[in-house]
Amino acid sequence: MAPVTHIVLILSYLVFAIATAVLPVSLAEVDQDHANLAAVVVFFLALHIHQLLAASARRTLNAERIEKLEDKTVFLRTDLEKTKRAVGSQPDSKVNKDTLVSELKVLQTLIGQVVQKENELQRKSQQIAEEERELAERKASNEAINFDNEDAAVLELNEDQELEQDNPDGDIYISNERDGASASNQNSLSADSNQSLIRVVQDEEQLFSVIQSSLSENRVDLYLQPIMAMPSRNVAHYECFSRVRDENGNIILPRQYIKLAEQEGLIGTIDNLLLFRLIQLVRRLGPRRAGVSFVCNLSKYSMDDQDFFPQFVDFMMSHEEFTGRFVFEISQRDYMALSSTVKERLQSLGRRGFGFSLDQVDDLKMDYDDLGRNYFKFIKIDAVPLLRDQEEDIASLKSELRRNGMELIASRIENEEMVSRIIDAGLEYAQGYHFGEPALPATLDRDF
């Protein structure tokens, strides 16, 4: 609103107040003192309402400007990266690595200096060599190839899932993705994810190069896996996963790059890009599917990052449209090791309406009252050990969780028999490849 408009409105309030002081005296023979008092009240009341409306208009305008600045920042960052790649890079690979990490720290406020750990590299090289030997033996015997994943992902290879290509560098390309399911129970949600080749990079330096180019080219994708409500088997929530693509569109799964990304200080950047993808998705959804929440992992590296995490908390708290949409998942081990400062920041998010989920639970002797007070909504437990417990134990656990406002998610559901057992046990939610593998949002539902 223009300053002249403000002045005109204030003058109109003054004229109205004067009329309030004069007209009742002449028309209704009201006492002049009472009329004057009424005039003062009318003027200041009108002025106060005017100020409230003006402040509301300023807040709306500022919110629109901030959103435009965020979009412009993303555009400028992308343009800056393209310009830097066009200029070229230094020939030395180690200098390239350090330079890239430094640039990502400036752009993402996430990345520390690269720390070389020779003993860790040697141990990982030995692990890779051992995996190659096991792969060769299993291929020769026509057995399935399984890879344990940090985020419960498992790659399987059977008669219908053959090696598509072995390149001279020793990389392996697998025609299908499986995250924790048996081949006989494959129930894909996404033809795209099934048709994409999964690249298993054998050389660590080459793997870093792939991650480096993927981050530079913004090839970190958001994948969603449904969490089903029981016994209706309707989609209640989605869990979010990251997938890195190489220059040819082949998928690099987290079990390969997580440790290397942690070692090189890049895990915060990957987390940030995943969060950015999720924010874009939620904004596109708007009010649609309002009851569906998105479970997004918070790693200890992101929460301990003194540059990233405070800014992350401030950002989430300043956007009310995300409350009720985001559930942040933390592993039990990481949560127990959090500092009091980080827990206070998490509590701030909880008070604003964000929820939390405790993952990778292997010790049920916890302070459930404390978890409830800290805004935890879900406890996720592997279905196999959970179903080994007696029905009385499961009922007692559910009762304890319910008293503290939490619900139980049984993960790694592989077959219909497990579904029947969790329904008989009265569990609220279930997740696993029997219901669907992680898939790109565009392939899941028309609303996405």
Protein backbone atom coordinates (compact mmCIF):
# COMPACT_ATOMS: atom_id res chain seq x y z
CA MET A 1 0.00 0.00 0.00
CA ALA A 2 1.40 3.41 -1.00
CA PRO A 3 2.28 5.97 1.74
CA VAL A 4 -0.25 8.44 0.29
CA THR A 5 -2.98 5.83 0.71
CA HIS A 6 -2.01 5.36 4.37
CA ILE A 7 -2.19 9.11 4.97
CA VAL A 8 -5.60 9.40 3.27
CA LEU A 9 -7.01 6.52 5.32
CA ILE A 10 -5.70 7.96 8.60
CA LEU A 11 -7.22 11.35 7.74
CA SER A 12 -10.53 9.61 7.02
CA TYR A 13 -10.37 7.99 10.47
CA LEU A 14 -9.76 11.44 11.99
CA VAL A 15 -12.73 12.93 10.12
CA PHE A 16 -14.93 10.07 11.26
CA ALA A 17 -13.78 10.61 14.87
CA ILE A 18 -14.55 14.34 14.68
CA ALA A 19 -17.98 13.51 13.35
CA THR A 20 -18.44 11.12 16.27
CA ALA A 21 -17.58 13.97 18.67
CA VAL A 22 -19.86 16.55 17.02
CA LEU A 23 -22.94 14.86 15.57
CA PRO A 24 -24.23 13.04 18.70
CA VAL A 25 -24.09 16.33 20.67
CA SER A 26 -26.10 18.28 18.10
CA LEU A 27 -28.51 15.55 17.07
CA ALA A 28 -29.08 13.52 20.24
CA GLU A 29 -28.00 15.99 22.94
CA VAL A 30 -25.28 13.61 24.15
CA ASP A 31 -22.89 14.98 26.76
CA GLN A 32 -19.85 16.52 25.06
CA ASP A 33 -17.34 14.69 27.31
CA HIS A 34 -18.87 11.34 26.44
CA ALA A 35 -18.89 12.26 22.75
CA ASN A 36 -15.21 13.26 22.90
CA LEU A 37 -14.30 9.98 24.62
CA ALA A 38 -16.22 8.02 21.99
CA ALA A 39 -14.42 9.93 19.25
CA VAL A 40 -10.98 9.08 20.71
CA VAL A 41 -11.92 5.39 21.04
CA VAL A 42 -13.23 5.27 17.47
CA PHE A 43 -10.12 6.91 16.05
CA PHE A 44 -7.60 4.68 17.84
CA LEU A 45 -9.65 1.55 17.19
CA ALA A 46 -9.76 2.32 13.47
CA LEU A 47 -6.03 3.11 13.51
CA HIS A 48 -5.25 -0.19 15.27
CA ILE A 49 -7.28 -2.22 12.79
CA HIS A 50 -5.54 -0.38 9.96
CA GLN A 51 -2.12 -1.29 11.37
CA LEU A 52 -3.10 -4.97 11.76
CA LEU A 53 -4.27 -5.18 8.17
CA ALA A 54 -1.15 -3.40 6.92
CA ALA A 55 1.11 -5.77 8.88
CA SER A 56 -0.75 -8.80 7.47
CA ALA A 57 -0.32 -7.45 3.95
CA ARG A 58 3.41 -6.93 4.55
CA ARG A 59 3.82 -10.49 5.84
CA THR A 60 2.07 -11.91 2.78
CA LEU A 61 4.22 -9.79 0.47
CA ASN A 62 7.42 -10.80 2.27
CA ALA A 63 6.48 -14.50 2.06
CA GLU A 64 5.97 -14.18 -1.69
CA ARG A 65 9.30 -12.40 -2.07
CA ILE A 66 11.11 -15.09 -0.04
CA GLU A 67 9.62 -17.85 -2.18
CA LYS A 68 10.69 -16.05 -5.35
CA LEU A 69 14.19 -15.58 -3.92
CA GLU A 70 14.42 -19.31 -3.10
CA ASP A 71 13.46 -20.22 -6.66
CA LYS A 72 15.91 -17.66 -8.03
CA THR A 73 18.69 -19.02 -5.78
CA VAL A 74 18.18 -22.54 -7.10
CA PHE A 75 18.29 -21.23 -10.67
CA LEU A 76 21.46 -19.22 -10.03
CA ARG A 77 23.19 -22.17 -8.36
CA THR A 78 22.42 -24.39 -11.34
CA ASP A 79 23.60 -21.70 -13.75
CA LEU A 80 26.80 -21.20 -11.72
CA GLU A 81 27.58 -24.93 -11.85
CA LYS A 82 27.07 -25.00 -15.62
CA THR A 83 29.39 -22.00 -16.02
CA LYS A 84 32.11 -23.61 -13.89
CA ARG A 85 31.91 -26.82 -15.88
CA ALA A 86 32.16 -24.84 -19.13
CA VAL A 87 35.31 -23.06 -17.93
CA GLY A 88 36.91 -26.42 -17.19
CA SER A 89 38.77 -27.98 -14.32
CA GLN A 90 42.35 -28.64 -13.29
CA PRO A 91 43.90 -31.85 -14.63
CA ASP A 92 44.99 -33.33 -11.33
CA SER A 93 42.26 -35.66 -9.99
CA LYS A 94 43.01 -34.97 -6.32
CA VAL A 95 42.84 -31.21 -6.91
CA ASN A 96 39.54 -31.75 -8.72
CA LYS A 97 38.20 -33.67 -5.74
CA ASP A 98 39.22 -31.01 -3.22
CA THR A 99 37.94 -28.22 -5.46
CA LEU A 100 34.56 -29.86 -5.96
CA VAL A 101 34.08 -30.51 -2.26
CA SER A 102 34.95 -26.89 -1.49
CA GLU A 103 32.44 -25.62 -4.07
CA LEU A 104 29.71 -27.85 -2.71
CA LYS A 105 30.36 -26.56 0.79
CA VAL A 106 29.93 -22.97 -0.39
CA LEU A 107 26.78 -23.76 -2.35
CA GLN A 108 25.11 -26.18 0.06
CA THR A 109 26.63 -25.02 3.38
CA LEU A 110 27.09 -28.66 4.14
CA ILE A 111 30.49 -29.94 3.14
CA GLY A 112 33.63 -30.11 5.29
CA GLN A 113 37.13 -30.53 3.97
CA VAL A 114 37.97 -33.87 2.43
CA VAL A 115 39.83 -36.12 4.91
CA GLN A 116 41.96 -38.87 3.47
CA LYS A 117 41.69 -42.15 5.40
CA GLU A 118 44.15 -44.60 3.90
CA ASN A 119 43.37 -47.41 6.31
CA GLU A 120 39.64 -47.13 5.55
CA LEU A 121 40.30 -47.20 1.83
CA GLN A 122 42.44 -50.29 2.22
CA ARG A 123 39.76 -52.06 4.24
CA LYS A 124 37.09 -51.15 1.69
CA SER A 125 39.31 -52.34 -1.15
CA GLN A 126 39.62 -55.69 0.57
CA GLN A 127 35.84 -55.82 0.99
CA ILE A 128 35.34 -55.05 -2.70
CA ALA A 129 37.81 -57.77 -3.68
CA GLU A 130 35.99 -60.24 -1.45
CA GLU A 131 32.65 -59.24 -2.97
CA GLU A 132 34.05 -59.73 -6.48
CA ARG A 133 35.24 -63.21 -5.55
CA GLU A 134 31.83 -64.10 -4.11
CA LEU A 135 30.07 -62.70 -7.18
CA ALA A 136 32.19 -64.83 -9.48
CA GLU A 137 31.50 -67.96 -7.43
CA ARG A 138 27.75 -67.33 -7.33
CA LYS A 139 27.58 -66.50 -11.00
CA ALA A 140 29.38 -69.74 -11.83
CA SER A 141 26.90 -71.73 -9.75
CA ASN A 142 23.89 -69.80 -11.16
CA GLU A 143 22.85 -68.67 -7.66
CA ALA A 144 21.12 -65.39 -6.78
CA ILE A 145 23.28 -62.37 -6.00
CA ASN A 146 22.22 -60.49 -2.89
CA PHE A 147 23.61 -57.21 -1.63
CA ASP A 148 22.74 -56.09 1.91
CA ASN A 149 21.80 -52.43 1.92
CA GLU A 150 22.24 -49.77 4.57
CA ASP A 151 18.64 -48.63 3.96
CA ALA A 152 17.24 -52.20 3.87
CA ALA A 153 17.95 -52.49 0.11
CA VAL A 154 18.87 -55.85 -1.37
CA LEU A 155 19.75 -56.57 -4.99
CA GLU A 156 18.70 -59.98 -6.26
CA LEU A 157 19.70 -61.85 -9.40
CA ASN A 158 17.92 -65.00 -10.62
CA GLU A 159 17.16 -66.69 -13.93
CA ASP A 160 15.08 -63.69 -15.01
CA GLN A 161 17.65 -61.11 -13.75
CA GLU A 162 20.88 -61.65 -15.63
CA LEU A 163 24.02 -59.54 -15.81
CA GLU A 164 23.49 -57.21 -18.72
CA GLN A 165 27.04 -56.02 -19.18
CA ASP A 166 30.53 -56.25 -17.71
CA ASN A 167 32.76 -53.35 -18.74
CA PRO A 168 36.57 -53.33 -18.87
CA ASP A 169 36.70 -51.44 -15.56
CA GLY A 170 35.02 -54.31 -13.77
CA ASP A 171 31.65 -52.55 -13.22
CA ILE A 172 28.54 -54.71 -13.15
CA TYR A 173 25.14 -53.75 -14.51
CA ILE A 174 22.06 -55.50 -13.13
CA SER A 175 18.73 -55.37 -14.94
CA ASN A 176 16.48 -55.03 -11.90
CA GLU A 177 16.34 -53.42 -8.49
CA ARG A 178 15.24 -55.24 -5.37
CA ASP A 179 15.31 -53.74 -1.88
CA GLY A 180 14.70 -56.48 0.63
CA ALA A 181 12.46 -58.93 -1.21
CA SER A 182 12.71 -62.39 -2.68
CA ALA A 183 12.58 -62.75 -6.46
CA SER A 184 9.45 -64.86 -6.35
CA ASN A 185 7.58 -62.06 -4.59
CA GLN A 186 8.48 -59.18 -6.87
CA ASN A 187 5.64 -56.68 -6.94
CA SER A 188 6.92 -53.58 -8.67
CA LEU A 189 5.28 -50.19 -8.44
CA SER A 190 7.53 -48.69 -11.07
CA ALA A 191 8.34 -50.03 -14.48
CA ASP A 192 10.98 -47.32 -14.77
CA SER A 193 12.89 -48.49 -11.71
CA ASN A 194 12.72 -52.10 -12.91
CA GLN A 195 13.93 -51.22 -16.39
CA SER A 196 16.82 -49.04 -15.16
CA LEU A 197 20.18 -50.74 -14.92
CA ILE A 198 21.78 -50.79 -11.49
CA ARG A 199 25.48 -50.07 -11.68
CA VAL A 200 27.82 -51.74 -9.22
CA VAL A 201 31.07 -49.74 -9.35
CA GLN A 202 34.06 -51.82 -8.31
CA ASP A 203 36.73 -49.11 -8.12
CA GLU A 204 36.42 -46.58 -5.28
CA GLU A 205 38.05 -43.71 -7.15
CA GLN A 206 35.67 -44.31 -10.04
CA LEU A 207 32.74 -44.43 -7.61
CA PHE A 208 33.76 -41.07 -6.17
CA SER A 209 33.96 -39.69 -9.69
CA VAL A 210 30.42 -40.92 -10.40
CA ILE A 211 29.11 -39.34 -7.17
CA GLN A 212 31.01 -36.14 -7.97
CA SER A 213 29.48 -35.80 -11.43
CA SER A 214 26.02 -36.80 -10.16
CA LEU A 215 26.04 -34.06 -7.53
CA SER A 216 27.41 -31.51 -10.00
CA GLU A 217 24.76 -32.43 -12.57
CA ASN A 218 21.98 -32.64 -9.94
CA ARG A 219 21.30 -36.34 -10.64
CA VAL A 220 20.00 -37.27 -7.19
CA ASP A 221 16.45 -38.58 -7.41
CA LEU A 222 13.66 -39.01 -4.88
CA TYR A 223 12.14 -42.50 -4.66
CA LEU A 224 9.09 -43.38 -2.57
CA GLN A 225 8.04 -46.67 -1.00
CA PRO A 226 4.49 -47.04 0.37
CA ILE A 227 3.71 -47.65 4.03
CA MET A 228 0.41 -49.51 4.17
CA ALA A 229 -2.36 -49.22 6.74
CA MET A 230 -3.48 -52.58 8.07
CA PRO A 231 -5.75 -54.42 7.52
CA SER A 232 -7.17 -52.21 4.72
CA ARG A 233 -3.85 -52.25 2.79
CA ASN A 234 -4.37 -48.65 1.72
CA VAL A 235 -1.37 -46.36 1.32
CA ALA A 236 -1.07 -44.36 4.53
CA HIS A 237 2.39 -42.80 4.14
CA TYR A 238 5.50 -42.94 1.96
CA GLU A 239 9.13 -43.42 2.95
CA CYS A 240 11.72 -41.47 0.97
CA PHE A 241 14.93 -42.86 -0.48
CA SER A 242 17.71 -41.32 -2.54
CA ARG A 243 18.99 -42.78 -5.79
CA VAL A 244 22.05 -41.45 -7.61
CA ARG A 245 22.22 -41.72 -11.40
CA ASP A 246 25.38 -41.82 -13.50
CA GLU A 247 25.79 -39.99 -16.79
CA ASN A 248 24.00 -42.81 -18.66
CA GLY A 249 21.02 -42.94 -16.31
CA ASN A 250 22.14 -46.09 -14.49
CA ILE A 251 21.24 -46.22 -10.79
CA ILE A 252 23.81 -46.26 -7.99
CA LEU A 253 22.20 -47.61 -4.83
CA PRO A 254 22.94 -46.16 -1.37
CA ARG A 255 24.68 -49.34 -0.11
CA GLN A 256 27.53 -48.44 -2.47
CA TYR A 257 27.95 -44.71 -1.95
CA ILE A 258 26.80 -44.03 1.64
CA LYS A 259 30.09 -44.89 3.35
CA LEU A 260 32.19 -43.12 0.74
CA ALA A 261 29.92 -40.07 0.89
CA GLU A 262 30.23 -40.01 4.68
CA GLN A 263 34.01 -40.32 4.44
CA GLU A 264 34.28 -37.49 1.91
CA GLY A 265 31.80 -35.23 3.72
CA LEU A 266 29.20 -35.35 0.93
CA ILE A 267 26.36 -37.07 2.75
CA GLY A 268 24.89 -33.77 3.91
CA THR A 269 24.68 -32.58 0.30
CA ILE A 270 22.86 -35.76 -0.74
CA ASP A 271 20.46 -35.36 2.20
CA ASN A 272 19.87 -31.73 1.24
CA LEU A 273 19.15 -32.55 -2.39
CA LEU A 274 16.74 -35.31 -1.32
CA LEU A 275 14.96 -32.87 0.99
CA PHE A 276 14.76 -30.31 -1.82
CA ARG A 277 13.14 -32.91 -4.11
CA LEU A 278 10.63 -33.76 -1.37
CA ILE A 279 9.78 -30.11 -0.78
CA GLN A 280 9.11 -29.69 -4.50
CA LEU A 281 6.83 -32.73 -4.44
CA VAL A 282 4.84 -31.54 -1.42
CA ARG A 283 4.40 -28.11 -2.97
CA ARG A 284 3.11 -29.67 -6.18
CA LEU A 285 0.66 -31.80 -4.22
CA GLY A 286 -0.74 -28.82 -2.35
CA PRO A 287 -3.91 -29.84 -0.47
CA ARG A 288 -4.23 -33.16 -2.31
CA ARG A 289 -3.76 -36.33 -0.25
CA ALA A 290 -3.63 -34.22 2.89
CA GLY A 291 -3.54 -37.23 5.21
CA VAL A 292 -0.41 -38.73 3.62
CA SER A 293 2.92 -38.04 5.35
CA PHE A 294 6.41 -38.48 3.91
CA VAL A 295 9.01 -40.21 6.07
CA CYS A 296 12.44 -38.72 5.40
CA ASN A 297 15.66 -39.96 7.00
CA LEU A 298 17.80 -37.59 9.06
CA SER A 299 21.36 -38.89 9.29
CA LYS A 300 23.62 -38.16 12.24
CA TYR A 301 25.97 -36.35 9.85
CA SER A 302 23.25 -33.88 8.88
CA MET A 303 22.07 -33.36 12.47
CA ASP A 304 25.64 -32.83 13.73
CA ASP A 305 26.41 -30.35 10.93
CA GLN A 306 26.46 -26.97 12.69
CA ASP A 307 26.08 -25.12 9.39
CA PHE A 308 23.30 -27.16 7.83
CA PHE A 309 21.06 -28.31 10.68
CA PRO A 310 20.18 -24.95 12.33
CA GLN A 311 19.34 -23.53 8.90
CA PHE A 312 17.30 -26.64 8.12
CA VAL A 313 15.28 -26.25 11.35
CA ASP A 314 14.68 -22.54 10.71
CA PHE A 315 13.57 -23.27 7.15
CA MET A 316 11.10 -25.98 8.15
CA MET A 317 9.65 -23.90 10.99
CA SER A 318 9.07 -20.96 8.67
CA HIS A 319 6.92 -23.02 6.27
CA GLU A 320 3.66 -24.01 7.90
CA GLU A 321 2.50 -25.85 4.77
CA PHE A 322 4.98 -28.64 5.59
CA THR A 323 3.65 -29.38 9.07
CA GLY A 324 1.76 -32.64 9.15
CA ARG A 325 3.46 -33.66 5.89
CA PHE A 326 6.96 -34.48 7.10
CA VAL A 327 7.98 -37.25 9.48
CA PHE A 328 11.72 -37.34 10.11
CA GLU A 329 13.19 -40.79 10.64
CA ILE A 330 16.16 -41.34 12.96
CA SER A 331 17.86 -44.64 13.72
CA GLN A 332 17.73 -45.81 17.31
CA ARG A 333 21.52 -45.79 17.61
CA ASP A 334 21.82 -42.25 16.23
CA TYR A 335 19.04 -40.91 18.46
CA MET A 336 20.63 -42.32 21.61
CA ALA A 337 23.90 -40.55 20.70
CA LEU A 338 22.42 -37.12 19.94
CA SER A 339 23.62 -34.12 21.89
CA SER A 340 21.22 -32.10 24.01
CA THR A 341 21.52 -29.20 21.55
CA VAL A 342 20.37 -31.32 18.62
CA LYS A 343 17.51 -32.79 20.67
CA GLU A 344 16.34 -29.28 21.57
CA ARG A 345 16.24 -28.38 17.88
CA LEU A 346 14.26 -31.54 17.15
CA GLN A 347 11.83 -30.61 19.91
CA SER A 348 11.35 -27.22 18.24
CA LEU A 349 10.31 -29.02 15.05
CA GLY A 350 7.99 -31.28 17.06
CA ARG A 351 6.28 -28.34 18.74
CA ARG A 352 5.67 -26.81 15.32
CA GLY A 353 3.82 -29.96 14.15
CA PHE A 354 6.50 -32.17 12.61
CA GLY A 355 6.69 -35.82 13.69
CA PHE A 356 9.49 -38.35 14.11
CA SER A 357 9.94 -42.07 13.50
CA LEU A 358 12.47 -44.31 15.26
CA ASP A 359 14.07 -46.74 12.80
CA GLN A 360 16.40 -49.75 13.06
CA VAL A 361 15.05 -50.61 16.48
CA ASP A 362 16.79 -53.65 17.95
CA ASP A 363 16.43 -52.87 21.65
CA LEU A 364 12.87 -52.58 22.94
CA LYS A 365 14.00 -51.52 26.42
CA MET A 366 13.47 -47.82 25.79
CA ASP A 367 11.96 -44.86 27.59
CA TYR A 368 8.72 -44.65 25.62
CA ASP A 369 7.50 -41.75 27.75
CA ASP A 370 10.55 -39.76 26.65
CA LEU A 371 9.96 -40.64 22.99
CA GLY A 372 6.35 -39.54 23.26
CA ARG A 373 7.34 -36.25 24.89
CA ASN A 374 9.79 -35.70 22.03
CA TYR A 375 7.05 -36.01 19.39
CA PHE A 376 7.82 -39.48 18.04
CA LYS A 377 4.84 -40.83 16.10
CA PHE A 378 6.14 -44.18 14.84
CA ILE A 379 8.43 -47.01 15.87
CA LYS A 380 9.68 -49.15 12.98
CA ILE A 381 10.76 -52.73 13.68
CA ASP A 382 11.86 -55.52 11.34
CA ALA A 383 8.89 -57.88 10.97
CA VAL A 384 10.91 -61.10 11.23
CA PRO A 385 12.20 -60.66 14.83
CA LEU A 386 8.97 -58.89 15.79
CA LEU A 387 6.80 -61.84 14.74
CA ARG A 388 9.00 -64.22 16.71
CA ASP A 389 7.72 -62.59 19.91
CA GLN A 390 4.70 -63.93 21.72
CA GLU A 391 1.33 -62.32 20.99
CA GLU A 392 1.22 -61.09 24.58
CA ASP A 393 4.56 -59.29 24.11
CA ILE A 394 3.38 -57.60 20.91
CA ALA A 395 0.11 -56.56 22.57
CA SER A 396 2.04 -55.14 25.52
CA LEU A 397 4.36 -53.20 23.20
CA LYS A 398 1.41 -51.80 21.23
CA SER A 399 -0.31 -50.74 24.43
CA GLU A 400 2.85 -48.97 25.64
CA LEU A 401 3.22 -47.15 22.34
CA ARG A 402 -0.46 -46.18 22.21
CA ARG A 403 -0.26 -44.61 25.67
CA ASN A 404 2.50 -42.36 24.38
CA GLY A 405 0.87 -41.43 21.07
CA MET A 406 2.96 -43.76 18.90
CA GLU A 407 2.17 -46.49 16.40
CA LEU A 408 4.10 -49.52 15.17
CA ILE A 409 5.39 -50.08 11.62
CA ALA A 410 6.46 -53.62 10.67
CA SER A 411 9.12 -53.39 7.95
CA ARG A 412 10.56 -55.89 5.43
CA ILE A 413 7.26 -57.58 4.63
CA GLU A 414 8.14 -60.20 2.01
CA ASN A 415 5.12 -62.41 1.43
CA GLU A 416 1.43 -62.91 2.06
CA GLU A 417 2.07 -65.18 5.03
CA MET A 418 3.82 -62.33 6.85
CA VAL A 419 0.91 -60.03 5.99
CA SER A 420 -1.55 -62.46 7.56
CA ARG A 421 0.55 -62.72 10.69
CA ILE A 422 0.87 -58.96 11.22
CA ILE A 423 -2.89 -58.57 10.68
CA ASP A 424 -3.51 -61.28 13.28
CA ALA A 425 -1.14 -59.46 15.63
CA GLY A 426 -3.16 -56.26 15.13
CA LEU A 427 -0.26 -54.14 13.83
CA GLU A 428 -1.22 -50.74 12.44
CA TYR A 429 1.22 -50.35 9.54
CA ALA A 430 3.40 -52.50 7.28
CA GLN A 431 6.10 -51.80 4.72
CA GLY A 432 8.07 -54.00 2.36
CA TYR A 433 8.55 -55.26 -1.16
CA HIS A 434 5.41 -57.35 -0.96
CA PHE A 435 3.53 -54.05 -1.26
CA GLY A 436 5.92 -52.32 -3.65
CA GLU A 437 9.51 -51.29 -4.19
CA PRO A 438 10.79 -47.69 -4.07
CA ALA A 439 9.68 -45.89 -7.23
CA LEU A 440 9.79 -42.44 -8.75
CA PRO A 441 6.82 -40.30 -7.63
CA ALA A 442 5.58 -39.84 -11.20
CA THR A 443 5.04 -43.61 -11.56
CA LEU A 444 3.09 -44.11 -8.34
CA ASP A 445 -0.13 -42.20 -8.68
CA ARG A 446 -1.72 -39.54 -10.85
CA ASP A 447 -1.72 -37.14 -7.88
CA PHE A 448 2.06 -37.06 -7.92
